[in-house]
Amino acid sequence: MPGEQLPRLPRGSRKSSTERNTATFAALIGLFLLAFGFLALVSLVLPAVRGILLLLVAGVGFFTLHYFTWGRVLTRLREKETAPSKADNE
């Protein structure tokens, strides 16, 4: 009905950002493993696909290196730098 409001969800059911990030990372790893397994099977049938498979493995390795360098390590360093400045302002 147009005049009715939707019920609200309880606020305590939200997951923390760490739990959401962990779930997203696990889903990405699962997706990459599934895709890699499929390509490995295809490369058994079509040997020309091995070069493409090698390029994809190198690309995933490059992505993983940058994810851990820029996404995780530098985010933690930035949080450590901003934590004392917040305490000084109060």
C-alpha atoms as a PDB file:
ATOM      1  CA  MET A   1       0.000   0.000   0.000  1.00  0.00           C
ATOM      2  CA  PRO A   2       1.333   3.467  -0.829  1.00  0.00           C
ATOM      3  CA  GLY A   3       0.736   5.014   2.626  1.00  0.00           C
ATOM      4  CA  GLU A   4       2.432   2.289   4.682  1.00  0.00           C
ATOM      5  CA  GLN A   5       6.031   2.398   5.855  1.00  0.00           C
ATOM      6  CA  LEU A   6       8.338  -0.550   5.549  1.00  0.00           C
ATOM      7  CA  PRO A   7       9.508  -2.160   8.809  1.00  0.00           C
ATOM      8  CA  ARG A   8      12.994  -1.217   9.962  1.00  0.00           C
ATOM      9  CA  LEU A   9      15.722  -3.736  10.546  1.00  0.00           C
ATOM     10  CA  PRO A  10      17.339  -3.834  13.983  1.00  0.00           C
ATOM     11  CA  ARG A  11      20.593  -1.900  14.159  1.00  0.00           C
ATOM     12  CA  GLY A  12      22.489  -4.634  15.993  1.00  0.00           C
ATOM     13  CA  SER A  13      22.420  -6.961  12.985  1.00  0.00           C
ATOM     14  CA  ARG A  14      25.071  -5.061  11.010  1.00  0.00           C
ATOM     15  CA  LYS A  15      28.396  -6.774  10.509  1.00  0.00           C
ATOM     16  CA  SER A  16      31.631  -4.973  11.144  1.00  0.00           C
ATOM     17  CA  SER A  17      33.704  -3.787   8.223  1.00  0.00           C
ATOM     18  CA  THR A  18      36.348  -6.431   8.991  1.00  0.00           C
ATOM     19  CA  GLU A  19      33.784  -9.227   8.678  1.00  0.00           C
ATOM     20  CA  ARG A  20      32.488  -7.783   5.402  1.00  0.00           C
ATOM     21  CA  ASN A  21      36.010  -7.395   4.006  1.00  0.00           C
ATOM     22  CA  THR A  22      36.888 -10.967   4.986  1.00  0.00           C
ATOM     23  CA  ALA A  23      33.772 -12.321   3.305  1.00  0.00           C
ATOM     24  CA  THR A  24      34.471 -10.325   0.148  1.00  0.00           C
ATOM     25  CA  PHE A  25      38.072 -11.514   0.041  1.00  0.00           C
ATOM     26  CA  ALA A  26      37.005 -15.143   0.527  1.00  0.00           C
ATOM     27  CA  ALA A  27      34.461 -14.823  -2.291  1.00  0.00           C
ATOM     28  CA  LEU A  28      37.084 -13.359  -4.623  1.00  0.00           C
ATOM     29  CA  ILE A  29      39.554 -16.139  -3.824  1.00  0.00           C
ATOM     30  CA  GLY A  30      36.846 -18.744  -4.476  1.00  0.00           C
ATOM     31  CA  LEU A  31      35.972 -17.129  -7.787  1.00  0.00           C
ATOM     32  CA  PHE A  32      39.615 -17.013  -8.877  1.00  0.00           C
ATOM     33  CA  LEU A  33      40.170 -20.649  -7.909  1.00  0.00           C
ATOM     34  CA  LEU A  34      37.084 -21.719  -9.819  1.00  0.00           C
ATOM     35  CA  ALA A  35      38.156 -19.792 -12.906  1.00  0.00           C
ATOM     36  CA  PHE A  36      41.709 -21.136 -12.661  1.00  0.00           C
ATOM     37  CA  GLY A  37      40.422 -24.718 -12.370  1.00  0.00           C
ATOM     38  CA  PHE A  38      38.241 -24.259 -15.420  1.00  0.00           C
ATOM     39  CA  LEU A  39      41.123 -22.848 -17.438  1.00  0.00           C
ATOM     40  CA  ALA A  40      43.388 -25.670 -16.286  1.00  0.00           C
ATOM     41  CA  LEU A  41      40.867 -28.178 -17.628  1.00  0.00           C
ATOM     42  CA  VAL A  42      40.590 -26.292 -20.907  1.00  0.00           C
ATOM     43  CA  SER A  43      44.397 -26.201 -21.234  1.00  0.00           C
ATOM     44  CA  LEU A  44      44.466 -29.999 -21.027  1.00  0.00           C
ATOM     45  CA  VAL A  45      42.237 -30.167 -24.097  1.00  0.00           C
ATOM     46  CA  LEU A  46      43.668 -27.177 -25.979  1.00  0.00           C
ATOM     47  CA  PRO A  47      47.430 -26.801 -25.368  1.00  0.00           C
ATOM     48  CA  ALA A  48      47.446 -23.299 -26.932  1.00  0.00           C
ATOM     49  CA  VAL A  49      45.503 -22.027 -23.913  1.00  0.00           C
ATOM     50  CA  ARG A  50      48.516 -22.592 -21.629  1.00  0.00           C
ATOM     51  CA  GLY A  51      50.016 -19.245 -22.660  1.00  0.00           C
ATOM     52  CA  ILE A  52      46.789 -17.467 -21.756  1.00  0.00           C
ATOM     53  CA  LEU A  53      46.716 -19.364 -18.470  1.00  0.00           C
ATOM     54  CA  LEU A  54      50.259 -18.247 -17.698  1.00  0.00           C
ATOM     55  CA  LEU A  55      49.321 -14.607 -18.380  1.00  0.00           C
ATOM     56  CA  LEU A  56      46.276 -14.880 -16.135  1.00  0.00           C
ATOM     57  CA  VAL A  57      48.301 -16.379 -13.283  1.00  0.00           C
ATOM     58  CA  ALA A  58      50.819 -13.537 -13.628  1.00  0.00           C
ATOM     59  CA  GLY A  59      47.970 -10.987 -13.610  1.00  0.00           C
ATOM     60  CA  VAL A  60      46.389 -12.478 -10.493  1.00  0.00           C
ATOM     61  CA  GLY A  61      49.788 -12.490  -8.796  1.00  0.00           C
ATOM     62  CA  PHE A  62      50.285  -8.841  -9.699  1.00  0.00           C
ATOM     63  CA  PHE A  63      46.802  -7.967  -8.398  1.00  0.00           C
ATOM     64  CA  THR A  64      47.445  -9.849  -5.157  1.00  0.00           C
ATOM     65  CA  LEU A  65      50.753  -8.061  -4.614  1.00  0.00           C
ATOM     66  CA  HIS A  66      49.134  -4.658  -5.086  1.00  0.00           C
ATOM     67  CA  TYR A  67      46.130  -5.575  -2.947  1.00  0.00           C
ATOM     68  CA  PHE A  68      48.303  -6.483   0.013  1.00  0.00           C
ATOM     69  CA  THR A  69      50.693  -3.571  -0.498  1.00  0.00           C
ATOM     70  CA  TRP A  70      48.254  -0.735  -1.103  1.00  0.00           C
ATOM     71  CA  GLY A  71      44.991  -2.087   0.251  1.00  0.00           C
ATOM     72  CA  ARG A  72      45.961  -3.708   3.519  1.00  0.00           C
ATOM     73  CA  VAL A  73      49.362  -2.521   4.690  1.00  0.00           C
ATOM     74  CA  LEU A  74      49.015   1.152   3.822  1.00  0.00           C
ATOM     75  CA  THR A  75      45.471   1.323   5.201  1.00  0.00           C
ATOM     76  CA  ARG A  76      46.742   0.060   8.559  1.00  0.00           C
ATOM     77  CA  LEU A  77      49.629   2.527   8.498  1.00  0.00           C
ATOM     78  CA  ARG A  78      47.244   5.358   7.737  1.00  0.00           C
ATOM     79  CA  GLU A  79      44.966   4.368  10.617  1.00  0.00           C
ATOM     80  CA  LYS A  80      47.947   4.354  12.989  1.00  0.00           C
ATOM     81  CA  GLU A  81      48.974   7.835  11.833  1.00  0.00           C
ATOM     82  CA  THR A  82      45.512   9.349  12.241  1.00  0.00           C
ATOM     83  CA  ALA A  83      44.789   7.779  15.647  1.00  0.00           C
ATOM     84  CA  PRO A  84      47.189  10.014  17.672  1.00  0.00           C
ATOM     85  CA  SER A  85      46.061  13.171  15.865  1.00  0.00           C
ATOM     86  CA  LYS A  86      42.447  12.534  16.900  1.00  0.00           C
ATOM     87  CA  ALA A  87      43.494  12.148  20.529  1.00  0.00           C
ATOM     88  CA  ASP A  88      45.506  15.406  20.394  1.00  0.00           C
ATOM     89  CA  ASN A  89      42.538  17.407  19.097  1.00  0.00           C
ATOM     90  CA  GLU A  90      40.281  16.482  22.026  1.00  0.00           C
END
